[in-house]
Every structure is written in structure tokens, then in C-alpha cells.
Amino acid sequence: MGNKLITPSAIDTFQIRSISTKRFLRKTGSVPSTVLNEIKTAIKAVIAADYA
């Protein structure tokens, strides 16, 4: 995929929690904008479900 990570990675949008941006020391990879948009859509759906 070209994200510069050593192993395959995944995101579980049901396990969202708050993390301080100060904990991010360096960028280790990236995802295409299409994948990022899918992640954003999934996060919005999870958050909306909490308020429904």
C-alpha cells in the first residue's frame, strides 16, 4: 500500500478514545485520501450512534 509501515495495519473505529496530540512523536506512515475518508465516515457513524 505504500504507507511505510512494516506490518499490515488496521483501525477499529469502535475503539475510539481521546489521545493528546503531544503523544505523537513522529509520523510512521500514511493512508490514501480515499481510505482516510472511509475512516472519517466510520468514526462519524460511531459517534452519531452514541447520540441517537
C-alpha atoms as a PDB file:
ATOM      1  CA  MET A   1       0.000   0.000   0.000  1.00  0.00           C
ATOM      2  CA  GLY A   2       2.982   2.283   0.294  1.00  0.00           C
ATOM      3  CA  ASN A   3       2.311   3.576   3.806  1.00  0.00           C
ATOM      4  CA  LYS A   4       5.868   2.865   5.005  1.00  0.00           C
ATOM      5  CA  LEU A   5       4.681   0.587   7.827  1.00  0.00           C
ATOM      6  CA  ILE A   6       6.446  -2.734   8.361  1.00  0.00           C
ATOM      7  CA  THR A   7       3.354  -4.839   9.049  1.00  0.00           C
ATOM      8  CA  PRO A   8      -0.265  -4.663   7.841  1.00  0.00           C
ATOM      9  CA  SER A   9      -2.313  -2.265   9.968  1.00  0.00           C
ATOM     10  CA  ALA A  10      -5.994  -1.706  10.714  1.00  0.00           C
ATOM     11  CA  ILE A  11      -8.223   0.768  12.515  1.00  0.00           C
ATOM     12  CA  ASP A  12     -11.095  -0.254  14.775  1.00  0.00           C
ATOM     13  CA  THR A  13     -13.444   2.722  14.792  1.00  0.00           C
ATOM     14  CA  PHE A  14     -15.446   1.145  17.629  1.00  0.00           C
ATOM     15  CA  GLN A  15     -12.412   1.580  19.922  1.00  0.00           C
ATOM     16  CA  ILE A  16     -12.152   5.374  19.655  1.00  0.00           C
ATOM     17  CA  ARG A  17     -10.767   7.327  22.602  1.00  0.00           C
ATOM     18  CA  SER A  18      -9.202  10.684  23.186  1.00  0.00           C
ATOM     19  CA  ILE A  19      -5.428  10.914  22.782  1.00  0.00           C
ATOM     20  CA  SER A  20      -3.301  14.000  23.270  1.00  0.00           C
ATOM     21  CA  THR A  21      -1.512  15.118  20.102  1.00  0.00           C
ATOM     22  CA  LYS A  22       1.578  15.658  22.295  1.00  0.00           C
ATOM     23  CA  ARG A  23       1.981  11.861  22.395  1.00  0.00           C
ATOM     24  CA  PHE A  24       2.668  11.746  18.646  1.00  0.00           C
ATOM     25  CA  LEU A  25       6.430  11.984  18.287  1.00  0.00           C
ATOM     26  CA  ARG A  26       6.869  11.201  14.592  1.00  0.00           C
ATOM     27  CA  LYS A  27       4.864  10.165  11.568  1.00  0.00           C
ATOM     28  CA  THR A  28       5.303   6.460  10.798  1.00  0.00           C
ATOM     29  CA  GLY A  29       3.054   6.029   7.770  1.00  0.00           C
ATOM     30  CA  SER A  30       0.201   7.361   5.717  1.00  0.00           C
ATOM     31  CA  VAL A  31      -3.009   6.288   4.006  1.00  0.00           C
ATOM     32  CA  PRO A  32      -4.538   7.403   0.728  1.00  0.00           C
ATOM     33  CA  SER A  33      -7.226  10.096   0.984  1.00  0.00           C
ATOM     34  CA  THR A  34      -9.875   7.566  -0.071  1.00  0.00           C
ATOM     35  CA  VAL A  35      -9.046   5.369   2.927  1.00  0.00           C
ATOM     36  CA  LEU A  36      -8.939   8.386   5.244  1.00  0.00           C
ATOM     37  CA  ASN A  37     -12.411   9.390   4.049  1.00  0.00           C
ATOM     38  CA  GLU A  38     -13.688   5.874   4.802  1.00  0.00           C
ATOM     39  CA  ILE A  39     -12.219   6.129   8.316  1.00  0.00           C
ATOM     40  CA  LYS A  40     -13.834   9.547   8.848  1.00  0.00           C
ATOM     41  CA  THR A  41     -17.211   8.209   7.696  1.00  0.00           C
ATOM     42  CA  ALA A  42     -16.963   5.237  10.068  1.00  0.00           C
ATOM     43  CA  ILE A  43     -15.994   7.476  13.008  1.00  0.00           C
ATOM     44  CA  LYS A  44     -18.926   9.816  12.283  1.00  0.00           C
ATOM     45  CA  ALA A  45     -21.286   6.807  12.242  1.00  0.00           C
ATOM     46  CA  VAL A  46     -19.994   5.557  15.601  1.00  0.00           C
ATOM     47  CA  ILE A  47     -20.287   8.994  17.204  1.00  0.00           C
ATOM     48  CA  ALA A  48     -23.774   9.531  15.745  1.00  0.00           C
ATOM     49  CA  ALA A  49     -24.881   6.140  17.120  1.00  0.00           C
ATOM     50  CA  ASP A  50     -23.955   7.295  20.623  1.00  0.00           C
ATOM     51  CA  TYR A  51     -26.264  10.289  20.316  1.00  0.00           C
ATOM     52  CA  ALA A  52     -29.177   8.564  18.588  1.00  0.00           C
END
